Amino acid sequence: MNTETNNNGNVFKNKNFLLVFLGAIVSELGALLYSFAVGFYILEISDNNAFLQGLYLALCGISMLVFTPVGGVLGDRVDKAKIMYVCDYLKGGLIIAATVLMLVFRESQAHIVILFVLGILGNAVSGIFSPASGALLPHIVEEDKLQQANSYFSMKNAFEGIIGIILAGILYSALPIHILFFIVGASFVASAISEMFIHYDFTPPEERLTLKVAFADMKDGIDYLRTKKAILAMTFAVLFINFFIAPVTGNFIPYFIKTDLASAPSYLFDNLLTPELWSSVVSVFFGISSLLGAAVMSALPQKEKCGFSTAKKLCIYAVLMIALTAGYHILVSMGISINAFLIVLCAGGLMMGFFLSLINIPLSTVLMRIVDKDKLSKVTSIISIGSQGMIPLASVLAGVIISSLGCTALLVFCSAGFAGTALMMLFNRHIREI
């Protein structure tokens, strides 16, 4: 393993880690700008069609799900850095090409078709990219610095949630959509250039990759995972967590902003903030607390076991989600005060962001430590399939629930799911093993 650092140094002294970190900042800021813009833009050009927005999210999720196993096989057989920069070049090129088509075909229906095709193709590329990027850190970072490295990545994500969302709200309000998309495409290209300079010890397998070998690799990853009951238990827990959190961030918040808030005769700071910028404000509060949680984890020693303590933190997260649901029903659905709910939403974002860092970082670190490095891409892809597999269904279901029953019903559904998942983790004996 080429770590280019020493046991006593900070992980940023590792050139490979620094390149990965900087490349991720650029590309993920671009991805954040794109996901923010496309979510609101589809609602804007489809007259707030929540089902269409849910269908878009579902098709994107299915596309990533189908190609993630391919990424898992390639990630253990091909230089992971090469996979990453090729995929980033492809994503940047696809976004730029789609933007050109949107300038040529200016009808709303054409833009919807272009965005759907781009979402499907782009997420197929992301499905190949994710297992390689997720398995790279143990190859370039020493084992005793994995929690520190994961914490810094979590801090990066939180920082992007603060700066990126503010920037996204400002740019979406100030710039034509095609200029914003050009910026996103260029960010992926810039990230790819950075990733081309990542080097680590890699020996390709002698066996030539064929379709038969690829399926055998997938089976090998599944067989390996079956021997790790604790990881399997964690995978099922993450599956349900993602199933119930995706509708809140992907469906509820954009719909609340575009309907409840945008249609209100007045709202908090309406002379300064557009409804879209309020979405940025909520994300900023979430990002600040995530950053704080990641900073705390970066300074703490790695623990051998974190499953049970993580389950207790998830119970707290479930309680916060129930409180958010009650706040929306009382303050918005019953028409008491949309301003009060905006405050509740920001306060909830502060607390949820902090606990999410305390949940995600230890679990990611344990996974990287206990899985064999030559199987990590395959295992990562399998876990990704498990955790992401229900999201397309969740997105479509959320769109149907909002359209037919309203946002309160969706939040009740998600809160109940969170509470059940938290209790399942708390009393699962295999979770206590990790």
Protein backbone atom coordinates (compact mmCIF):
# COMPACT_ATOMS: atom_id res chain seq x y z
CA MET A 1 0.00 0.00 0.00
CA ASN A 2 1.39 3.35 -1.03
CA THR A 3 0.34 5.68 1.78
CA GLU A 4 3.17 8.21 1.57
CA THR A 5 2.71 9.16 5.22
CA ASN A 6 3.87 8.09 8.67
CA ASN A 7 2.09 6.86 11.77
CA ASN A 8 2.32 10.19 13.58
CA GLY A 9 1.40 12.53 10.72
CA ASN A 10 -1.92 13.98 9.73
CA VAL A 11 -3.66 12.15 6.91
CA PHE A 12 -3.40 15.26 4.71
CA LYS A 13 0.35 14.65 4.47
CA ASN A 14 -0.61 11.76 2.23
CA LYS A 15 -0.47 13.11 -1.35
CA ASN A 16 -2.92 10.52 -2.67
CA PHE A 17 -5.47 11.33 0.01
CA LEU A 18 -5.07 15.04 -0.67
CA LEU A 19 -5.70 14.51 -4.40
CA VAL A 20 -8.77 12.38 -3.70
CA PHE A 21 -10.06 14.93 -1.20
CA LEU A 22 -9.60 17.95 -3.47
CA GLY A 23 -11.06 16.15 -6.47
CA ALA A 24 -14.08 15.13 -4.43
CA ILE A 25 -14.67 18.71 -3.29
CA VAL A 26 -14.84 19.96 -6.86
CA SER A 27 -16.97 17.16 -8.33
CA GLU A 28 -19.33 16.86 -5.37
CA LEU A 29 -19.95 20.59 -5.30
CA GLY A 30 -20.91 20.26 -8.94
CA ALA A 31 -23.15 17.28 -8.19
CA LEU A 32 -24.79 19.22 -5.36
CA LEU A 33 -25.47 22.18 -7.65
CA TYR A 34 -26.95 19.83 -10.23
CA SER A 35 -29.20 17.85 -7.87
CA PHE A 36 -30.47 21.08 -6.27
CA ALA A 37 -31.18 22.68 -9.64
CA VAL A 38 -32.73 19.69 -11.39
CA GLY A 39 -35.12 18.96 -8.50
CA PHE A 40 -36.58 22.46 -8.56
CA TYR A 41 -36.38 22.78 -12.35
CA ILE A 42 -38.49 19.67 -12.97
CA LEU A 43 -41.14 20.99 -10.57
CA GLU A 44 -40.93 24.41 -12.24
CA ILE A 45 -41.49 23.21 -15.82
CA SER A 46 -44.06 20.53 -14.88
CA ASP A 47 -46.43 22.71 -12.80
CA ASN A 48 -45.29 21.19 -9.48
CA ASN A 49 -45.90 17.60 -10.59
CA ALA A 50 -44.72 15.67 -7.53
CA PHE A 51 -45.28 12.29 -9.22
CA LEU A 52 -43.05 13.26 -12.16
CA GLN A 53 -40.34 14.38 -9.75
CA GLY A 54 -40.64 11.08 -7.88
CA LEU A 55 -40.47 9.12 -11.15
CA TYR A 56 -37.27 10.97 -12.10
CA LEU A 57 -35.66 10.10 -8.77
CA ALA A 58 -36.82 6.50 -9.08
CA LEU A 59 -35.41 5.98 -12.59
CA CYS A 60 -32.10 7.54 -11.53
CA GLY A 61 -31.96 5.22 -8.54
CA ILE A 62 -32.74 2.14 -10.63
CA SER A 63 -30.01 3.06 -13.11
CA MET A 64 -27.41 3.36 -10.35
CA LEU A 65 -28.64 0.13 -8.79
CA VAL A 66 -28.25 -1.85 -12.03
CA PHE A 67 -24.70 -0.65 -12.70
CA THR A 68 -23.35 -0.78 -9.15
CA PRO A 69 -22.51 -4.53 -9.36
CA VAL A 70 -20.54 -3.78 -12.53
CA GLY A 71 -18.61 -1.16 -10.57
CA GLY A 72 -18.01 -3.66 -7.79
CA VAL A 73 -16.43 -6.20 -10.14
CA LEU A 74 -14.35 -3.59 -11.98
CA GLY A 75 -13.25 -1.95 -8.72
CA ASP A 76 -11.40 -5.09 -7.58
CA ARG A 77 -9.88 -5.79 -11.01
CA VAL A 78 -8.99 -2.35 -12.41
CA ASP A 79 -7.00 0.55 -10.96
CA LYS A 80 -9.59 2.36 -8.83
CA ALA A 81 -8.14 5.80 -9.57
CA LYS A 82 -8.46 5.12 -13.30
CA ILE A 83 -12.10 4.12 -12.92
CA MET A 84 -12.74 7.34 -11.01
CA TYR A 85 -11.23 9.77 -13.50
CA VAL A 86 -12.75 8.01 -16.54
CA CYS A 87 -16.19 8.15 -14.91
CA ASP A 88 -15.80 11.82 -14.00
CA TYR A 89 -14.81 12.66 -17.58
CA LEU A 90 -17.91 10.79 -18.78
CA LYS A 91 -20.24 12.54 -16.33
CA GLY A 92 -18.85 15.96 -17.22
CA GLY A 93 -19.19 15.24 -20.94
CA LEU A 94 -22.77 13.97 -20.56
CA ILE A 95 -23.89 17.06 -18.65
CA ILE A 96 -22.28 19.45 -21.14
CA ALA A 97 -23.80 17.56 -24.09
CA ALA A 98 -27.25 17.58 -22.46
CA THR A 99 -26.97 21.30 -21.80
CA VAL A 100 -26.24 21.93 -25.48
CA LEU A 101 -29.34 19.90 -26.41
CA MET A 102 -31.44 21.96 -23.97
CA LEU A 103 -30.28 25.11 -25.78
CA VAL A 104 -31.27 23.63 -29.14
CA PHE A 105 -34.63 22.22 -27.99
CA ARG A 106 -36.22 24.82 -25.73
CA GLU A 107 -39.66 23.28 -25.10
CA SER A 108 -40.44 22.18 -21.55
CA GLN A 109 -41.33 18.66 -22.67
CA ALA A 110 -37.99 18.34 -24.47
CA HIS A 111 -36.13 19.51 -21.36
CA ILE A 112 -37.93 16.89 -19.24
CA VAL A 113 -36.95 14.13 -21.69
CA ILE A 114 -33.33 15.35 -21.81
CA LEU A 115 -33.10 15.51 -18.01
CA PHE A 116 -34.56 12.03 -17.64
CA VAL A 117 -32.09 10.57 -20.15
CA LEU A 118 -29.20 12.45 -18.52
CA GLY A 119 -30.27 11.27 -15.07
CA ILE A 120 -30.38 7.63 -16.18
CA LEU A 121 -27.02 7.71 -18.00
CA GLY A 122 -25.30 9.82 -15.35
CA ASN A 123 -26.40 7.52 -12.55
CA ALA A 124 -25.26 4.49 -14.53
CA VAL A 125 -21.78 6.04 -14.59
CA SER A 126 -22.09 6.86 -10.87
CA GLY A 127 -22.96 3.22 -10.19
CA ILE A 128 -19.59 2.22 -11.68
CA PHE A 129 -17.77 5.08 -9.94
CA SER A 130 -19.06 4.57 -6.39
CA PRO A 131 -17.66 1.11 -5.48
CA ALA A 132 -14.18 2.11 -6.70
CA SER A 133 -14.16 5.42 -4.83
CA GLY A 134 -15.67 3.83 -1.72
CA ALA A 135 -12.96 1.14 -1.62
CA LEU A 136 -9.98 3.37 -2.40
CA LEU A 137 -9.23 4.81 1.05
CA PRO A 138 -7.90 1.59 2.67
CA HIS A 139 -5.43 1.30 -0.23
CA ILE A 140 -3.98 4.79 0.24
CA VAL A 141 -4.54 5.49 3.97
CA GLU A 142 -3.08 3.62 6.95
CA GLU A 143 -5.56 1.61 8.99
CA ASP A 144 -5.16 3.68 12.16
CA LYS A 145 -6.05 6.83 10.20
CA LEU A 146 -9.21 5.54 8.52
CA GLN A 147 -11.55 7.18 11.05
CA GLN A 148 -9.66 10.45 10.66
CA ALA A 149 -9.90 10.19 6.87
CA ASN A 150 -13.62 9.35 7.00
CA SER A 151 -14.18 12.21 9.43
CA TYR A 152 -12.49 14.69 7.10
CA PHE A 153 -14.65 13.45 4.23
CA SER A 154 -17.71 13.90 6.40
CA MET A 155 -16.53 17.41 7.29
CA LYS A 156 -16.09 18.06 3.57
CA ASN A 157 -19.64 16.91 2.93
CA ALA A 158 -20.92 19.14 5.71
CA PHE A 159 -18.95 22.10 4.38
CA GLU A 160 -20.44 21.50 0.95
CA GLY A 161 -23.84 21.35 2.59
CA ILE A 162 -23.23 24.83 3.98
CA ILE A 163 -21.43 26.61 1.14
CA GLY A 164 -22.70 24.49 -1.74
CA ILE A 165 -26.38 24.79 -0.92
CA ILE A 166 -26.12 28.54 -0.38
CA LEU A 167 -24.29 28.81 -3.69
CA ALA A 168 -26.84 26.53 -5.36
CA GLY A 169 -29.76 28.63 -4.18
CA ILE A 170 -28.10 31.86 -5.30
CA LEU A 171 -26.99 30.50 -8.69
CA TYR A 172 -30.36 28.83 -9.38
CA SER A 173 -32.12 32.14 -8.74
CA ALA A 174 -29.56 34.29 -10.60
CA LEU A 175 -28.39 32.22 -13.59
CA PRO A 176 -30.10 30.59 -16.57
CA ILE A 177 -30.30 26.83 -16.07
CA HIS A 178 -27.95 26.06 -18.99
CA ILE A 179 -25.13 28.18 -17.51
CA LEU A 180 -25.53 26.40 -14.17
CA PHE A 181 -25.33 23.02 -15.91
CA PHE A 182 -22.20 24.07 -17.82
CA ILE A 183 -20.56 24.91 -14.48
CA VAL A 184 -21.48 21.45 -13.18
CA GLY A 185 -20.06 19.71 -16.24
CA ALA A 186 -16.80 21.64 -15.93
CA SER A 187 -16.49 20.67 -12.25
CA PHE A 188 -16.53 16.96 -13.10
CA VAL A 189 -13.85 17.47 -15.75
CA ALA A 190 -11.67 19.36 -13.25
CA SER A 191 -12.07 16.55 -10.72
CA ALA A 192 -11.05 13.98 -13.31
CA ILE A 193 -7.84 15.89 -14.02
CA SER A 194 -6.95 15.80 -10.30
CA GLU A 195 -7.69 12.07 -10.02
CA MET A 196 -5.30 11.26 -12.88
CA PHE A 197 -2.37 11.96 -10.52
CA ILE A 198 -3.42 9.39 -7.88
CA HIS A 199 -1.02 6.43 -7.70
CA TYR A 200 -0.97 3.41 -5.40
CA ASP A 201 0.33 -0.17 -5.50
CA PHE A 202 -2.00 -2.08 -7.77
CA THR A 203 -1.46 -5.51 -9.29
CA PRO A 204 -4.12 -6.48 -11.82
CA PRO A 205 -5.34 -10.10 -11.60
CA GLU A 206 -3.90 -12.49 -14.16
CA GLU A 207 -7.31 -13.90 -15.04
CA ARG A 208 -8.90 -12.07 -17.97
CA LEU A 209 -12.25 -10.45 -17.19
CA THR A 210 -15.12 -12.17 -18.99
CA LEU A 211 -18.85 -12.23 -18.38
CA LYS A 212 -18.50 -15.61 -16.65
CA VAL A 213 -15.71 -14.31 -14.44
CA ALA A 214 -17.74 -11.19 -13.63
CA PHE A 215 -20.71 -13.24 -12.42
CA ALA A 216 -18.34 -15.47 -10.44
CA ASP A 217 -16.88 -12.34 -8.79
CA MET A 218 -20.35 -11.14 -7.84
CA LYS A 219 -21.15 -14.54 -6.33
CA ASP A 220 -17.83 -14.51 -4.48
CA GLY A 221 -18.74 -11.15 -2.93
CA ILE A 222 -22.16 -12.45 -1.85
CA ASP A 223 -20.66 -15.65 -0.40
CA TYR A 224 -18.09 -13.60 1.50
CA LEU A 225 -20.78 -11.30 2.87
CA ARG A 226 -22.82 -14.27 4.09
CA THR A 227 -19.99 -15.11 6.47
CA LYS A 228 -20.20 -11.62 8.01
CA LYS A 229 -23.52 -11.66 9.84
CA ALA A 230 -22.85 -8.32 11.52
CA ILE A 231 -22.28 -6.61 8.17
CA LEU A 232 -25.45 -8.22 6.82
CA ALA A 233 -27.42 -6.89 9.79
CA MET A 234 -25.93 -3.43 9.22
CA THR A 235 -26.81 -3.64 5.52
CA PHE A 236 -30.47 -4.33 6.22
CA ALA A 237 -30.56 -1.50 8.74
CA VAL A 238 -29.00 0.93 6.26
CA LEU A 239 -31.49 -0.23 3.60
CA PHE A 240 -34.43 0.80 5.76
CA ILE A 241 -32.76 4.01 6.92
CA ASN A 242 -32.25 5.10 3.31
CA PHE A 243 -35.76 4.01 2.37
CA PHE A 244 -37.31 6.30 4.97
CA ILE A 245 -34.92 9.26 4.75
CA ALA A 246 -34.86 9.62 0.94
CA PRO A 247 -38.48 10.85 0.68
CA VAL A 248 -37.83 13.52 3.33
CA THR A 249 -34.88 15.11 1.53
CA GLY A 250 -35.81 14.27 -2.06
CA ASN A 251 -39.60 14.74 -2.02
CA PHE A 252 -40.86 16.52 1.08
CA ILE A 253 -38.50 19.49 1.32
CA PRO A 254 -38.67 20.54 -2.38
CA TYR A 255 -42.47 20.12 -2.36
CA PHE A 256 -42.85 22.06 0.89
CA ILE A 257 -40.74 24.87 -0.55
CA LYS A 258 -42.55 25.01 -3.91
CA THR A 259 -46.09 24.75 -2.48
CA ASP A 260 -46.56 25.62 1.20
CA LEU A 261 -43.84 28.25 1.39
CA ALA A 262 -44.07 29.70 -2.12
CA SER A 263 -47.87 30.06 -1.87
CA ALA A 264 -47.81 31.68 1.59
CA PRO A 265 -48.81 35.38 1.56
CA SER A 266 -45.72 36.09 3.63
CA TYR A 267 -43.00 34.16 5.40
CA LEU A 268 -39.95 34.74 7.56
CA PHE A 269 -37.40 37.06 5.87
CA ASP A 270 -39.39 37.05 2.61
CA ASN A 271 -37.81 40.40 1.76
CA LEU A 272 -34.38 38.74 1.74
CA LEU A 273 -34.89 35.06 0.90
CA THR A 274 -36.72 33.42 -1.98
CA PRO A 275 -38.39 30.07 -1.21
CA GLU A 276 -35.48 28.25 -2.92
CA LEU A 277 -32.99 30.09 -0.72
CA TRP A 278 -34.91 28.91 2.36
CA SER A 279 -34.09 25.39 1.22
CA SER A 280 -30.45 26.46 1.29
CA VAL A 281 -30.83 27.88 4.80
CA VAL A 282 -32.18 24.56 6.11
CA SER A 283 -29.30 22.71 4.49
CA VAL A 284 -26.81 25.16 6.01
CA PHE A 285 -28.06 24.40 9.52
CA PHE A 286 -27.82 20.68 8.75
CA GLY A 287 -24.33 21.16 7.34
CA ILE A 288 -23.05 23.17 10.32
CA SER A 289 -24.04 20.47 12.78
CA SER A 290 -22.70 17.70 10.50
CA LEU A 291 -19.41 19.56 10.36
CA LEU A 292 -19.32 19.76 14.16
CA GLY A 293 -20.12 16.07 14.51
CA ALA A 294 -17.40 15.11 12.02
CA ALA A 295 -14.90 17.36 13.81
CA VAL A 296 -15.69 15.58 17.07
CA MET A 297 -15.20 12.16 15.44
CA SER A 298 -11.90 13.19 13.82
CA ALA A 299 -10.45 13.90 17.29
CA LEU A 300 -11.69 10.69 18.91
CA PRO A 301 -9.79 7.37 18.86
CA GLN A 302 -11.12 4.54 16.72
CA LYS A 303 -13.27 2.06 18.62
CA GLU A 304 -13.21 -1.67 18.01
CA LYS A 305 -17.00 -1.87 18.28
CA CYS A 306 -19.58 0.82 17.60
CA GLY A 307 -22.79 -1.03 16.59
CA PHE A 308 -24.78 -0.76 19.82
CA SER A 309 -23.82 2.86 20.49
CA THR A 310 -24.77 3.73 16.90
CA ALA A 311 -28.17 2.06 17.37
CA LYS A 312 -28.83 4.26 20.41
CA LYS A 313 -27.95 7.36 18.39
CA LEU A 314 -30.37 6.25 15.67
CA CYS A 315 -33.13 6.06 18.30
CA ILE A 316 -32.48 9.72 19.10
CA TYR A 317 -32.63 10.48 15.36
CA ALA A 318 -36.03 8.75 15.18
CA VAL A 319 -37.36 10.90 18.03
CA LEU A 320 -36.22 14.04 16.20
CA MET A 321 -38.02 12.87 13.06
CA ILE A 322 -41.24 12.33 15.03
CA ALA A 323 -40.94 15.85 16.44
CA LEU A 324 -40.48 17.26 12.92
CA THR A 325 -43.62 15.43 11.76
CA ALA A 326 -45.66 16.81 14.65
CA GLY A 327 -44.31 20.29 13.96
CA TYR A 328 -45.36 20.20 10.30
CA HIS A 329 -48.86 18.91 11.08
CA ILE A 330 -49.55 21.42 13.84
CA LEU A 331 -47.84 24.48 12.39
CA VAL A 332 -48.36 24.09 8.63
CA SER A 333 -51.23 21.66 7.96
CA MET A 334 -53.38 23.25 10.67
CA GLY A 335 -52.32 26.71 9.47
CA ILE A 336 -50.97 27.99 12.78
CA SER A 337 -47.63 29.44 11.67
CA ILE A 338 -45.43 28.59 8.71
CA ASN A 339 -42.75 30.83 10.22
CA ALA A 340 -42.66 28.72 13.38
CA PHE A 341 -42.22 25.60 11.27
CA LEU A 342 -39.29 27.17 9.42
CA ILE A 343 -37.63 27.63 12.82
CA VAL A 344 -38.47 24.02 13.79
CA LEU A 345 -37.07 22.80 10.46
CA CYS A 346 -33.80 24.65 11.00
CA ALA A 347 -33.51 23.43 14.60
CA GLY A 348 -34.24 19.89 13.48
CA GLY A 349 -31.58 20.17 10.81
CA LEU A 350 -29.05 21.24 13.45
CA MET A 351 -29.68 18.22 15.66
CA MET A 352 -30.12 15.65 12.88
CA GLY A 353 -26.92 16.66 11.11
CA PHE A 354 -24.87 16.20 14.27
CA PHE A 355 -26.22 12.74 15.01
CA LEU A 356 -25.94 11.64 11.39
CA SER A 357 -22.17 12.20 11.52
CA LEU A 358 -21.96 10.22 14.76
CA ILE A 359 -23.81 7.37 13.04
CA ASN A 360 -22.17 7.29 9.60
CA ILE A 361 -18.47 7.74 10.38
CA PRO A 362 -18.00 4.83 12.81
CA LEU A 363 -19.96 2.44 10.58
CA SER A 364 -17.93 3.41 7.49
CA THR A 365 -14.67 2.98 9.39
CA VAL A 366 -15.60 -0.45 10.76
CA LEU A 367 -16.57 -1.62 7.28
CA MET A 368 -13.21 -0.57 5.83
CA ARG A 369 -11.33 -2.28 8.66
CA ILE A 370 -13.06 -5.66 8.76
CA VAL A 371 -13.54 -6.40 5.05
CA ASP A 372 -10.62 -7.86 3.09
CA LYS A 373 -9.16 -5.23 0.75
CA ASP A 374 -9.34 -7.45 -2.33
CA LYS A 375 -13.09 -7.87 -1.79
CA LEU A 376 -13.94 -4.38 -0.59
CA SER A 377 -15.22 -3.03 -3.93
CA LYS A 378 -17.54 -6.02 -4.40
CA VAL A 379 -18.78 -5.84 -0.82
CA THR A 380 -19.22 -2.07 -1.10
CA SER A 381 -21.26 -2.54 -4.27
CA ILE A 382 -23.44 -5.21 -2.63
CA ILE A 383 -24.06 -3.00 0.39
CA SER A 384 -24.77 -0.08 -1.92
CA ILE A 385 -27.30 -2.19 -3.81
CA GLY A 386 -28.91 -3.17 -0.53
CA SER A 387 -28.99 0.36 0.85
CA GLN A 388 -29.96 2.06 -2.41
CA GLY A 389 -32.22 -0.64 -3.81
CA MET A 390 -35.41 0.55 -2.15
CA ILE A 391 -34.86 4.26 -2.80
CA PRO A 392 -36.50 4.28 -6.28
CA LEU A 393 -39.59 2.65 -4.79
CA ALA A 394 -39.49 5.09 -1.89
CA SER A 395 -39.32 8.08 -4.26
CA VAL A 396 -42.31 6.94 -6.33
CA LEU A 397 -44.28 5.98 -3.22
CA ALA A 398 -43.52 9.37 -1.67
CA GLY A 399 -44.79 11.14 -4.78
CA VAL A 400 -48.03 9.13 -4.65
CA ILE A 401 -48.49 9.78 -0.91
CA ILE A 402 -47.92 13.53 -1.28
CA SER A 403 -50.24 13.77 -4.31
CA SER A 404 -53.07 11.80 -2.69
CA LEU A 405 -52.70 12.30 1.08
CA GLY A 406 -50.37 15.26 1.57
CA CYS A 407 -47.05 15.89 3.28
CA THR A 408 -48.22 15.05 6.79
CA ALA A 409 -49.03 11.49 5.74
CA LEU A 410 -45.58 11.13 4.16
CA LEU A 411 -43.82 12.36 7.30
CA VAL A 412 -45.88 10.02 9.52
CA PHE A 413 -44.93 7.12 7.24
CA CYS A 414 -41.22 8.03 7.38
CA SER A 415 -41.24 8.63 11.16
CA ALA A 416 -42.81 5.26 11.84
CA GLY A 417 -40.25 3.60 9.60
CA PHE A 418 -37.37 5.33 11.37
CA ALA A 419 -38.64 4.29 14.79
CA GLY A 420 -39.03 0.66 13.69
CA THR A 421 -35.54 0.57 12.15
CA ALA A 422 -33.96 2.10 15.25
CA LEU A 423 -35.58 -0.49 17.52
CA MET A 424 -34.56 -3.30 15.17
CA MET A 425 -30.93 -2.18 15.37
CA LEU A 426 -31.08 -1.72 19.13
CA PHE A 427 -32.17 -5.31 19.80
CA ASN A 428 -30.20 -7.11 17.05
CA ARG A 429 -27.39 -9.18 18.58
CA HIS A 430 -25.28 -9.08 15.40
CA ILE A 431 -25.21 -5.26 15.47
CA ARG A 432 -23.55 -5.49 18.89
CA GLU A 433 -20.64 -7.41 17.30
CA ILE A 434 -19.39 -4.49 15.18
